[in-house]
Protein backbone atom coordinates (compact mmCIF):
# COMPACT_ATOMS: atom_id res chain seq x y z
CA MET A 1 105.47 44.26 99.86
CA GLU A 2 104.51 41.95 96.60
CA GLN A 3 103.83 39.21 99.03
CA HIS A 4 100.85 41.06 100.37
CA GLN A 5 97.37 40.97 99.29
CA LYS A 6 96.99 43.94 96.62
CA ASP A 7 93.45 46.60 96.26
CA ALA A 8 91.73 45.05 93.11
CA LEU A 9 90.49 48.82 92.23
CA THR A 10 93.63 50.26 92.51
CA GLY A 11 96.63 47.80 92.61
CA LEU A 12 97.94 49.03 96.02
CA PRO A 13 98.75 46.73 99.14
CA GLN A 14 95.40 46.96 101.50
CA ARG A 15 96.18 48.17 105.09
CA ARG A 16 96.49 45.21 106.76
CA LEU A 17 100.26 45.90 105.68
CA LEU A 18 101.18 48.58 108.06
CA GLU A 19 100.70 45.56 110.94
CA GLU A 20 103.87 44.28 109.81
CA LEU A 21 104.94 48.17 109.83
CA ARG A 22 104.62 48.62 113.41
CA PRO A 23 107.08 46.26 115.24
CA ARG A 24 109.82 47.89 112.60
CA PHE A 25 109.03 51.65 113.50
CA SER A 26 108.98 50.67 117.29
CA SER A 27 112.37 49.39 116.73
CA ARG A 28 114.23 52.11 115.17
CA ASP A 29 116.82 53.42 116.06
CA ASP A 30 116.47 57.11 118.31
CA GLY A 31 117.95 58.97 115.49
CA SER A 32 115.92 57.90 112.51
CA ILE A 33 112.59 59.82 111.27
CA TRP A 34 110.11 58.79 109.36
CA THR A 35 107.46 60.38 107.65
CA VAL A 36 103.59 59.51 107.09
CA MET A 37 101.55 61.15 104.27
CA MET A 38 97.24 61.00 104.13
CA VAL A 39 96.15 61.56 100.73
CA ASP A 40 92.86 62.18 99.84
CA ILE A 41 91.05 63.24 96.92
CA ASP A 42 88.97 66.03 97.47
CA HIS A 43 85.09 66.45 97.23
CA PHE A 44 85.29 62.77 95.89
CA LYS A 45 81.70 62.45 96.56
CA LEU A 46 80.67 65.92 94.12
CA ILE A 47 82.89 63.38 91.93
CA ASN A 48 80.62 59.85 91.59
CA ASP A 49 77.77 62.79 92.01
CA ILE A 50 78.13 64.55 89.06
CA TYR A 51 80.44 62.32 86.44
CA GLY A 52 78.77 58.75 88.02
CA HIS A 53 80.53 55.70 89.72
CA LEU A 54 82.66 54.83 87.02
CA SER A 55 84.23 58.21 86.67
CA GLY A 56 84.57 57.74 90.36
CA ASP A 57 86.27 54.53 89.85
CA GLN A 58 88.85 55.86 86.69
CA VAL A 59 90.17 58.52 88.83
CA LEU A 60 90.40 55.98 91.98
CA ARG A 61 92.15 53.78 89.52
CA ARG A 62 94.83 56.51 87.83
CA ILE A 63 95.93 57.95 92.04
CA GLY A 64 96.77 54.61 92.84
CA GLN A 65 98.89 53.89 89.68
CA LEU A 66 100.61 57.62 90.18
CA LEU A 67 101.18 56.72 93.54
CA ARG A 68 102.78 53.63 93.10
CA ASP A 69 105.49 54.89 90.45
CA SER A 70 106.13 57.58 92.08
CA MET A 71 107.16 54.99 95.21
CA ARG A 72 110.79 53.95 96.11
CA LEU A 73 111.31 50.10 97.31
CA GLU A 74 112.18 51.54 100.82
CA ASP A 75 108.18 53.42 100.69
CA TYR A 76 104.86 52.17 101.11
CA VAL A 77 101.95 52.98 99.53
CA VAL A 78 98.21 50.90 100.76
CA ARG A 79 95.27 52.10 100.32
CA PHE A 80 93.39 53.33 103.20
CA GLY A 81 90.25 53.49 102.95
CA GLY A 82 87.73 54.68 100.62
CA ASP A 83 89.08 57.57 98.29
CA GLU A 84 91.69 58.17 100.94
CA PHE A 85 95.67 56.65 101.12
CA LEU A 86 98.34 56.57 103.67
CA ALA A 87 102.33 57.07 102.46
CA VAL A 88 105.32 55.56 104.17
CA PHE A 89 108.77 57.01 104.69
CA PRO A 90 111.16 54.96 106.24
CA GLY A 91 114.42 56.48 107.54
CA THR A 92 113.27 59.71 105.84
CA GLU A 93 112.12 63.79 106.58
CA ARG A 94 109.34 65.63 105.75
CA PHE A 95 110.59 66.61 102.55
CA ARG A 96 110.61 64.11 100.43
CA ALA A 97 106.92 63.49 101.44
CA LEU A 98 106.52 67.23 100.53
CA ASN A 99 108.56 65.94 96.84
CA PHE A 100 106.63 62.59 96.69
CA ALA A 101 103.20 64.56 97.31
CA GLN A 102 104.07 67.61 94.49
CA ARG A 103 105.47 65.20 91.70
CA VAL A 104 101.83 63.80 92.52
CA SER A 105 99.54 66.68 92.01
CA GLU A 106 101.66 67.92 89.32
CA GLU A 107 101.03 64.25 87.36
CA LEU A 108 97.43 64.82 88.20
CA GLU A 109 96.90 68.12 86.78
CA SER A 110 97.76 66.54 83.39
CA ALA A 111 96.26 63.75 84.08
CA VAL A 112 93.25 63.19 81.14
CA PHE A 113 89.96 62.20 83.07
CA GLN A 114 86.03 61.74 81.23
CA ARG A 115 84.20 64.91 80.26
CA GLY A 116 87.15 67.31 81.19
CA LEU A 117 86.89 66.95 85.11
CA LYS A 118 89.85 67.95 86.76
CA VAL A 119 90.48 66.10 90.48
CA THR A 120 92.56 67.81 93.06
CA LEU A 121 94.07 66.16 96.42
CA SER A 122 94.49 67.40 100.44
CA VAL A 123 97.83 65.80 101.65
CA GLY A 124 98.37 65.77 104.94
CA ILE A 125 102.31 64.79 106.13
CA ALA A 126 103.73 64.52 109.69
CA GLU A 127 106.91 63.58 111.16
CA SER A 128 108.04 60.90 113.97
CA ARG A 129 109.71 62.46 116.75
CA PRO A 130 112.31 61.55 118.37
CA GLY A 131 112.00 58.47 120.70
CA GLU A 132 108.13 57.51 119.21
CA ARG A 133 107.62 53.99 118.99
CA ALA A 134 103.49 54.18 117.94
CA LEU A 135 102.93 53.83 114.56
CA ASP A 136 99.62 55.30 114.97
CA GLU A 137 100.19 58.08 116.73
CA LEU A 138 101.58 59.48 113.64
CA ILE A 139 98.83 58.15 111.93
CA GLU A 140 97.12 59.83 114.11
CA ARG A 141 99.06 63.31 113.39
CA SER A 142 98.86 62.67 109.88
CA ASP A 143 95.40 62.55 109.09
CA ARG A 144 95.30 65.39 111.40
CA ALA A 145 96.99 67.89 109.50
CA LEU A 146 95.00 66.67 106.42
CA TYR A 147 91.83 68.22 107.68
CA GLN A 148 93.65 71.34 108.56
CA ALA A 149 93.90 70.94 104.61
CA LYS A 150 91.23 70.60 104.00
CA GLU A 151 89.79 73.27 106.45
CA ALA A 152 92.58 75.66 104.76
CA GLY A 153 90.08 75.27 101.65
CA ARG A 154 91.55 71.89 99.77
CA GLY A 155 94.02 71.20 97.18
CA ARG A 156 96.79 71.59 100.17
CA ILE A 157 99.67 70.10 100.90
CA HIS A 158 99.90 69.95 105.04
CA PHE A 159 102.18 69.90 107.10
CA PHE A 160 101.32 68.75 110.62
CA GLU A 161 101.11 71.95 113.41
CA GLU A 162 100.39 71.41 116.82
CA ARG A 163 97.25 73.66 117.52
CA SER A 164 94.69 73.96 120.13
CA ALA A 165 91.27 71.96 118.89
CA GLY A 166 87.95 73.59 117.75
CA PRO A 167 85.24 72.76 116.19
CA GLU A 168 85.11 73.42 112.62
CA LEU A 169 83.09 76.20 111.93
CA SER A 170 80.83 74.63 109.27
CA GLN A 171 80.01 77.41 106.39
CA GLU A 172 76.30 77.21 103.71
CA ILE A 173 78.20 78.92 101.47
CA SER A 174 82.64 78.76 100.98
CA PHE A 175 84.73 80.06 98.37
CA GLY A 176 88.15 77.96 99.47
CA HIS A 177 88.77 75.93 96.66
CA PHE A 178 91.61 76.83 94.30
CA VAL A 179 90.08 76.39 91.17
CA GLY A 180 91.90 77.16 87.39
CA ARG A 181 94.99 78.08 88.68
CA GLN A 182 97.26 75.28 89.27
CA GLN A 183 98.79 75.39 85.93
CA GLN A 184 100.52 79.54 87.08
CA LEU A 185 100.45 78.17 90.17
CA ARG A 186 103.59 74.78 88.85
CA GLU A 187 104.73 77.87 87.31
CA LEU A 188 105.88 80.11 90.42
CA ARG A 189 106.76 77.03 93.00
CA GLN A 190 109.37 76.09 90.55
CA LEU A 191 110.50 79.62 90.31
CA LEU A 192 111.29 79.86 94.01
CA ASP A 193 112.42 76.09 93.84
CA GLU A 194 115.33 77.94 91.12
CA SER A 195 115.39 81.07 93.35
CA LEU A 196 116.77 78.79 96.78
CA SER A 197 119.54 77.19 94.42
CA GLY A 198 120.21 79.56 91.39
CA GLY A 199 119.41 83.24 92.95
CA SER A 200 116.81 85.67 93.46
CA ARG A 201 113.90 85.54 90.52
CA PHE A 202 110.93 88.07 90.55
CA ALA A 203 107.70 86.62 89.08
CA LEU A 204 105.05 88.89 88.23
CA ILE A 205 101.26 88.76 88.10
CA MET A 206 98.96 90.55 85.71
CA GLY A 207 95.22 90.59 84.87
CA GLU A 208 91.88 92.50 85.69
CA ALA A 209 90.77 93.40 88.60
CA GLY A 210 89.11 90.64 90.27
CA VAL A 211 90.61 87.60 88.41
CA GLY A 212 93.23 86.03 91.76
CA LYS A 213 95.91 87.56 91.26
CA SER A 214 96.30 87.94 94.49
CA ARG A 215 95.18 84.83 95.68
CA LEU A 216 97.04 82.50 93.43
CA ALA A 217 99.65 84.20 95.47
CA MET A 218 98.80 84.12 98.40
CA GLU A 219 98.47 79.86 97.18
CA LEU A 220 102.43 80.17 96.68
CA ARG A 221 102.70 80.68 100.37
CA HIS A 222 102.10 77.48 101.38
CA TYR A 223 104.94 75.71 99.34
CA ALA A 224 106.71 77.96 100.37
CA GLU A 225 106.53 77.70 104.10
CA PHE A 226 107.65 74.06 103.02
CA ARG A 227 110.17 75.10 101.45
CA GLN A 228 111.05 76.63 105.00
CA CYS A 229 111.16 80.40 102.82
CA ARG A 230 110.39 83.61 105.56
CA ILE A 231 107.13 85.18 104.02
CA ALA A 232 106.15 88.61 104.36
CA GLU A 233 103.43 90.87 102.42
CA GLY A 234 103.98 94.19 101.46
CA GLY A 235 101.55 95.86 98.35
CA CYS A 236 99.88 100.38 97.91
CA HIS A 237 96.54 101.42 98.17
CA GLU A 238 94.86 103.79 95.32
CA PHE A 239 94.03 106.47 97.35
CA VAL A 240 95.51 105.77 100.40
CA GLU A 241 98.96 107.63 100.96
CA SER A 242 101.24 105.17 102.49
CA GLU A 243 104.66 106.32 103.83
CA PRO A 244 107.95 106.21 101.97
CA TYR A 245 109.31 103.45 100.82
CA ALA A 246 106.73 101.22 102.65
CA LEU A 247 105.99 98.70 99.28
CA LEU A 248 109.51 97.52 101.01
CA THR A 249 110.71 98.48 104.12
CA THR A 250 106.40 97.10 105.86
CA PRO A 251 107.75 93.92 104.25
CA VAL A 252 111.06 94.07 105.55
CA ALA A 253 109.84 95.69 109.00
CA SER A 254 107.78 92.43 109.50
CA MET A 255 110.44 90.33 108.79
CA LEU A 256 112.76 91.36 111.39
CA GLN A 257 109.80 91.50 113.52
CA ALA A 258 109.74 88.18 113.90
CA LEU A 259 112.68 87.04 114.73
CA GLY A 260 114.03 86.41 118.47
CA GLN A 261 115.80 89.37 120.45
CA ASP A 262 119.13 87.18 119.74
CA ARG A 263 118.57 86.74 115.89
CA LEU A 264 117.73 90.27 115.44
CA GLU A 265 121.08 91.79 117.69
CA ARG A 266 122.78 88.78 115.13
CA LEU A 267 122.08 89.70 112.24
CA ALA A 268 121.92 93.49 113.30
CA ALA A 269 125.95 93.20 113.68
CA ALA A 270 126.21 91.33 110.36
CA VAL A 271 124.90 93.96 108.57
CA GLY A 272 126.44 96.96 109.83
CA GLN A 273 126.12 100.91 110.63
CA VAL A 274 123.19 102.30 109.03
CA HIS A 275 122.26 106.08 108.11
CA PRO A 276 120.25 107.49 110.72
CA ALA A 277 117.13 108.24 108.15
CA THR A 278 117.31 103.77 107.76
CA LEU A 279 116.58 103.75 111.48
CA GLU A 280 113.99 105.92 111.53
CA ILE A 281 112.45 103.78 109.12
CA PHE A 282 113.07 101.19 111.31
CA PRO A 283 112.20 102.88 114.79
CA GLY A 284 113.14 99.62 117.61
CA MET A 285 115.16 97.96 115.58
CA PRO A 286 119.14 97.25 116.57
CA PHE A 287 121.17 98.82 114.17
CA GLN A 288 124.50 100.68 114.92
CA ILE A 289 124.43 103.89 113.80
CA SER A 290 126.68 106.01 111.43
CA GLU A 291 127.05 109.52 112.54
CA ALA A 292 129.17 110.52 110.03
CA SER A 293 127.45 109.61 106.96
CA ALA A 294 124.34 112.42 108.73
CA PHE A 295 124.64 114.32 106.26
CA PHE A 296 123.91 114.13 102.90
CA SER A 297 122.47 115.35 99.29
CA GLU A 298 119.36 114.41 99.12
CA GLN A 299 120.20 112.45 96.73
CA ARG A 300 123.34 110.44 98.38
CA LEU A 301 121.03 110.03 101.62
CA ARG A 302 117.89 107.90 99.12
CA PHE A 303 121.51 106.00 98.18
CA ARG A 304 122.42 105.73 101.12
CA ILE A 305 119.22 104.16 103.11
CA PHE A 306 119.19 101.71 98.87
CA GLU A 307 122.26 100.03 99.95
CA ASP A 308 121.03 100.10 104.20
CA VAL A 309 117.84 98.17 103.13
CA ALA A 310 119.49 95.97 100.45
CA ARG A 311 122.30 94.71 103.29
CA ILE A 312 119.54 93.75 105.78
CA VAL A 313 117.90 91.93 103.21
CA ALA A 314 120.71 89.78 102.51
CA ALA A 315 121.80 89.12 106.19
CA LEU A 316 117.83 88.36 106.08
CA ALA A 317 118.26 85.56 103.17
CA ASP A 318 121.71 84.68 104.61
CA ASN A 319 119.40 83.38 107.37
CA ALA A 320 116.75 81.78 105.53
CA PRO A 321 114.98 82.13 101.79
CA LEU A 322 112.80 85.34 101.15
CA LEU A 323 109.34 85.54 99.26
CA PHE A 324 108.01 88.96 99.02
CA ILE A 325 104.47 88.98 97.86
CA LEU A 326 104.12 93.14 97.00
CA ASP A 327 100.15 93.72 96.08
CA ASP A 328 99.14 96.29 94.14
CA LEU A 329 102.29 97.57 91.81
CA GLN A 330 100.53 100.20 89.94
CA TRP A 331 99.61 101.79 92.51
CA ALA A 332 103.31 102.06 93.85
CA PRO A 333 105.08 105.95 94.04
CA ASP A 334 108.20 106.10 91.95
CA PRO A 335 110.49 106.41 94.94
CA ASP A 336 109.24 103.26 96.03
CA MET A 337 110.22 101.16 92.75
CA GLU A 338 113.28 103.23 92.84
CA MET A 339 114.08 101.04 96.12
CA LEU A 340 112.60 98.01 94.80
CA SER A 341 114.00 98.10 91.87
CA HIS A 342 118.02 98.62 93.56
CA ALA A 343 116.73 95.60 96.18
CA VAL A 344 116.30 93.30 93.69
CA ARG A 345 119.42 94.58 91.57
CA SER A 346 120.86 94.02 94.84
CA SER A 347 119.73 90.34 95.96
CA ALA A 348 120.77 88.61 92.37
CA SER A 349 122.83 85.94 93.74
CA LEU A 350 120.51 85.74 96.51
CA PRO A 351 117.90 83.14 97.86
CA VAL A 352 114.88 85.57 97.22
CA LEU A 353 111.59 85.68 95.32
CA PHE A 354 109.84 88.45 94.39
CA VAL A 355 105.99 88.18 93.77
CA ALA A 356 104.30 91.41 92.56
CA THR A 357 100.88 92.08 91.74
CA MET A 358 99.67 94.36 88.66
CA ARG A 359 96.84 95.42 86.83
CA THR A 360 95.99 94.79 83.18
CA PRO A 361 96.46 97.10 80.66
CA VAL A 362 99.96 97.01 82.13
CA GLU A 363 100.20 100.31 79.70
CA ASP A 364 97.63 102.24 81.49
CA TYR A 365 100.29 102.53 84.70
CA PRO A 366 103.77 104.00 82.08
CA SER A 367 105.58 104.36 85.21
CA VAL A 368 105.54 101.45 87.15
CA GLU A 369 105.94 99.71 83.54
CA ARG A 370 109.41 101.44 83.56
CA TYR A 371 110.74 99.79 85.95
CA VAL A 372 109.30 96.32 85.57
CA SER A 373 110.91 96.46 81.26
CA GLY A 374 113.49 98.18 82.30
CA VAL A 375 114.67 96.64 85.39
CA PHE A 376 112.83 93.90 86.84
CA GLU A 377 112.87 91.78 83.47
CA LYS A 378 116.82 92.89 82.94
CA ALA A 379 117.82 92.66 86.38
CA VAL A 380 116.92 88.67 87.64
CA PRO A 381 115.65 85.44 85.63
CA PHE A 382 111.40 86.99 85.63
CA LEU A 383 108.25 85.59 85.32
CA ARG A 384 105.23 86.89 83.83
CA VAL A 385 102.05 85.59 84.70
CA ASN A 386 99.01 85.74 82.40
CA LEU A 387 95.36 85.34 84.23
CA SER A 388 92.39 85.32 82.33
CA ASN A 389 89.06 84.87 83.67
CA LEU A 390 87.70 81.19 84.10
CA THR A 391 86.67 79.32 81.97
CA GLY A 392 82.40 78.06 81.55
CA HIS A 393 83.52 74.71 83.18
CA GLU A 394 86.02 76.32 86.20
CA ALA A 395 83.63 79.00 86.75
CA GLY A 396 80.56 75.80 87.25
CA ASN A 397 83.12 74.65 89.39
CA LEU A 398 83.40 77.35 91.82
CA VAL A 399 80.35 77.95 91.64
CA MET A 400 79.02 74.08 92.64
CA PHE A 401 82.46 73.63 95.53
CA ALA A 402 80.78 77.37 96.94
CA LEU A 403 77.57 75.87 97.06
CA HIS A 404 78.69 72.66 98.08
CA ASP A 405 76.03 70.93 95.49
CA PRO A 406 76.17 68.77 91.97
CA ASN A 407 73.04 69.70 91.02
CA ILE A 408 72.42 73.45 90.20
CA PRO A 409 70.89 73.94 87.08
CA GLU A 410 72.42 75.21 84.05
CA ASP A 411 70.03 78.17 83.36
CA VAL A 412 71.79 79.64 86.81
CA LEU A 413 75.15 78.43 85.80
CA SER A 414 75.21 80.15 82.80
CA LEU A 415 73.69 83.57 84.35
CA LEU A 416 76.10 83.78 86.54
CA HIS A 417 79.40 82.97 83.84
CA ARG A 418 77.47 84.65 81.83
CA GLN A 419 77.29 88.24 83.95
CA SER A 420 80.36 87.32 85.14
CA GLY A 421 82.55 87.03 82.57
CA GLY A 422 84.54 84.17 84.65
CA ASN A 423 85.71 86.94 87.02
CA PRO A 424 85.91 84.95 90.61
CA PHE A 425 85.17 87.99 92.46
CA PHE A 426 82.31 89.24 90.47
CA LEU A 427 81.44 85.39 90.24
CA ARG A 428 81.28 85.49 94.52
CA GLU A 429 79.86 88.77 94.64
CA LEU A 430 76.17 87.56 92.55
CA ILE A 431 76.60 84.67 94.07
CA ARG A 432 76.29 86.53 97.97
CA THR A 433 73.82 88.96 96.53
CA LEU A 434 71.99 85.73 95.46
CA ALA A 435 71.42 84.66 98.88
CA HIS A 436 70.90 87.69 100.51
CA ASP A 437 68.10 88.14 98.13
CA GLY A 438 66.79 85.12 98.37
CA SER A 439 67.30 83.95 95.34
CA ILE A 440 69.41 80.61 96.21
CA ALA A 441 67.36 79.58 99.17
CA PRO A 442 68.74 77.04 101.15
CA ARG A 443 65.91 73.90 101.47
CA LYS A 444 65.14 71.89 104.69
CA THR A 445 65.95 69.00 103.75
CA GLY A 446 69.20 70.02 102.61
CA GLY A 447 70.90 71.50 99.27
CA TRP A 448 69.22 74.90 97.81
CA ASN A 449 66.76 76.23 95.59
CA TYR A 450 67.10 78.81 93.17
CA ARG A 451 65.23 81.52 91.72
CA THR A 452 66.87 83.76 89.63
CA THR A 453 65.98 86.06 86.55
CA ALA A 454 68.28 87.88 83.82
CA ASP A 455 67.74 91.09 85.48
CA LEU A 456 70.52 91.02 89.02
CA GLU A 457 70.06 93.19 91.10
CA LEU A 458 73.87 94.16 91.27
CA PRO A 459 75.95 93.73 94.00
CA ASP A 460 77.52 97.75 95.63
CA SER A 461 80.48 96.11 95.07
CA LEU A 462 80.61 95.25 91.97
CA THR A 463 79.30 98.29 91.01
CA LYS A 464 81.83 100.29 92.18
CA LEU A 465 84.40 98.31 91.17
CA ILE A 466 83.02 99.10 87.58
CA SER A 467 81.92 102.51 88.11
CA SER A 468 85.69 102.94 88.80
CA ARG A 469 87.03 101.65 85.58
CA ILE A 470 84.66 103.01 83.69
CA SER A 471 85.86 106.46 85.05
CA GLN A 472 89.03 105.94 83.81
CA LEU A 473 87.92 106.22 80.21
CA ASP A 474 86.99 109.81 78.28
CA GLU A 475 83.93 111.02 77.41
CA LYS A 476 83.94 109.42 73.67
CA SER A 477 84.56 106.03 75.10
CA ARG A 478 81.93 106.48 77.79
CA LYS A 479 79.47 107.58 74.96
CA ILE A 480 79.94 104.34 72.00
CA ILE A 481 80.03 101.95 75.92
CA ARG A 482 76.80 102.96 76.81
CA ILE A 483 75.33 102.83 73.35
CA ALA A 484 76.46 99.80 73.02
CA ALA A 485 74.99 98.26 76.77
CA LEU A 486 71.94 98.58 74.58
CA CYS A 487 72.32 95.52 72.79
CA GLU A 488 72.43 92.70 74.44
CA GLY A 489 75.47 89.84 72.86
CA GLU A 490 77.72 91.19 70.21
CA PHE A 491 76.52 95.15 68.75
CA PRO A 492 78.90 95.49 65.32
CA PHE A 493 80.94 97.90 64.86
CA ASP A 494 78.92 100.26 62.30
CA LEU A 495 76.28 100.27 64.38
CA LEU A 496 77.81 102.18 67.00
CA CYS A 497 78.73 104.72 64.00
CA GLN A 498 75.14 105.22 63.65
CA ALA A 499 73.90 104.77 66.42
CA SER A 500 76.32 107.62 67.53
CA GLU A 501 76.07 109.51 64.16
CA LEU A 502 80.13 109.43 64.97
CA PRO A 503 82.30 109.23 61.93
CA GLU A 504 84.73 105.53 61.98
CA MET A 505 87.51 106.75 63.57
CA GLU A 506 86.69 108.21 65.81
CA VAL A 507 84.60 105.17 66.41
CA ALA A 508 87.54 103.28 66.44
CA GLU A 509 89.93 105.24 68.52
CA ALA A 510 86.73 105.60 71.06
CA LEU A 511 86.97 101.50 71.53
CA GLU A 512 90.65 101.28 72.20
CA ALA A 513 90.74 101.95 75.50
CA PRO A 514 87.72 99.82 76.80
CA LEU A 515 89.24 97.06 74.80
CA ARG A 516 93.03 97.65 76.33
CA MET A 517 90.88 97.91 79.84
CA GLY A 518 89.41 94.58 79.42
CA LEU A 519 85.90 95.94 79.69
CA ILE A 520 85.05 94.75 76.17
CA GLN A 521 86.83 92.07 73.93
CA GLU A 522 86.42 91.69 69.74
CA SER A 523 85.85 89.14 67.67
CA LEU A 524 85.50 88.66 63.67
CA ARG A 525 82.24 87.53 62.02
CA GLU A 526 82.31 85.15 58.92
CA ALA A 527 83.09 87.60 56.23
CA GLY A 528 85.57 89.13 58.41
CA LEU A 529 83.99 91.90 59.63
CA PRO A 530 84.40 93.18 63.44
CA VAL A 531 82.38 93.16 65.81
CA CYS A 532 82.51 93.27 69.49
CA SER A 533 80.71 92.26 73.30
CA PHE A 534 81.04 92.84 76.89
CA THR A 535 83.16 90.35 78.58
CA HIS A 536 81.81 90.90 81.91
CA ASP A 537 77.05 91.06 81.39
CA THR A 538 77.44 93.11 84.94
CA VAL A 539 79.21 95.91 83.02
CA ARG A 540 76.82 96.16 80.80
CA SER A 541 73.55 95.46 82.62
CA PHE A 542 75.43 98.80 84.64
CA LEU A 543 75.43 101.19 81.56
CA HIS A 544 72.19 99.95 80.60
CA ARG A 545 70.93 100.88 84.29
CA ASP A 546 72.44 104.26 83.85
CA LEU A 547 71.09 105.63 80.88
CA PRO A 548 68.54 108.13 80.61
CA GLY A 549 64.55 107.27 79.44
CA SER A 550 65.03 109.64 76.43
CA MET A 551 68.17 108.41 75.28
CA ARG A 552 67.33 105.23 75.27
CA SER A 553 64.26 106.11 73.18
CA VAL A 554 66.62 107.87 70.09
CA LEU A 555 68.93 105.14 70.68
CA HIS A 556 66.82 102.66 70.25
CA ALA A 557 65.51 104.53 67.30
CA ARG A 558 68.37 104.71 65.86
CA MET A 559 69.02 101.31 66.41
CA GLY A 560 65.38 99.53 64.36
CA GLU A 561 66.59 102.16 61.64
CA TYR A 562 70.12 99.69 61.30
CA TYR A 563 68.58 96.99 61.76
CA GLU A 564 65.82 96.90 59.23
CA ARG A 565 68.32 98.06 56.56
CA GLN A 566 69.89 95.16 57.12
CA TYR A 567 66.79 92.92 56.78
CA LEU A 568 65.84 94.77 53.95
CA SER A 569 69.02 94.20 52.34
């Protein structure tokens, strides 16, 4: 490969190297599998527009180096053109290319670029077909897989799948880009890898509502598909009563229904006889009924059902690794948690990964937390993934990618970050609202016009979420944070005491729940005095508008006295 002319910027061979690979591919043995991988830098034009062409060249050089350093002697990587690279893996199945792409992506996550630039790759992978002789057909399929990766939201690795062709739907505003969670996703991928060889694992993704817990779990799906896992989802709802044990039995049932009839019958034979009550949970499944055990005490019956479900899970895992994604664990009833606990303990030696999401603070859900800390953490290797809100830089990237605009005014980015606190759901809803009311409007010549004010109209989706969270507070806590909503920015502790006319200890106790729930946050002044602020300005706005005018007048007067004394002293 050394004799081939190199690309001056990246040091990789130019695409004319493919001329020599074409006859090698066409004359290969029938049983020899080749894999091709097409790599594209996500939003490279935006990188050039926002950071400049010198930064773009730095990105190209760095990615070229990562590709060159990661390949084996028998592999080939070329600069295909622009911001695209092509890797050819002779005599190699797709998982070699997957591991290659994953290693390069992980190295890229820790790469340092100017001005804190973060770069992601979209990757398309295709595997040769038996008897295929044209390398260009394989390259074309990898390019189509790359298109599918970008269509799915970019920052993805996609294996070629046959699908009906159709025009891509253009969206002026899109939220498909995955921002700010690469480290956590890498941890989950590693945990999945460990479960395939070392037995069952459990991951709990925690964070406030809207922070992106479910999205992170969904991002794991694609990697699990590459690792040939069988994937199913379940979950709980706050105000919806579901069938008993549905948290686990719903995803198990979906896995069973996805099997063909022959495989389902073989699995049923491996499971053996089940209790009639188990068959009621999985109607239509070809399990044999054990009549002798039809009459049990309630406790023994429940244990028998748990045992049956555990054997079904084991039979499924014997056929393929399993990934369970269980959403909103905080709403799970005790019987469902009991069944899940039994399944986790029973699957310790199986290739199973349980991924659950749960709102914080977990202390607000003591029944569920008891199972988490008392069972799951002790039964199998356990990972807690704590998600915080996006930083200002990450939130800015989300907005720019959503609007496909590198020239969003700083005051607009600052307003959106301040109002949302970096919460991805809040950000998305605010952008949709601004677009709906015309505050963000498309220009005929392309791009957007921005007309925003600090007094944003909160969308119903946010007011309902905020109202639901505030309703969980007791009356005194609600009173204190309503007073705090009159302050823009920080609000001192002693100001709340004076405005509320409550003793210091009562105010401190009233602030505990909002702090724990993440509605407000605490910091220290230079003198060591505590001050608080709202984590999302949308919460402050909601509370401020909810205050009657007469109450505002009284509280403003008390606050004025406080600041007057501060000024005079």
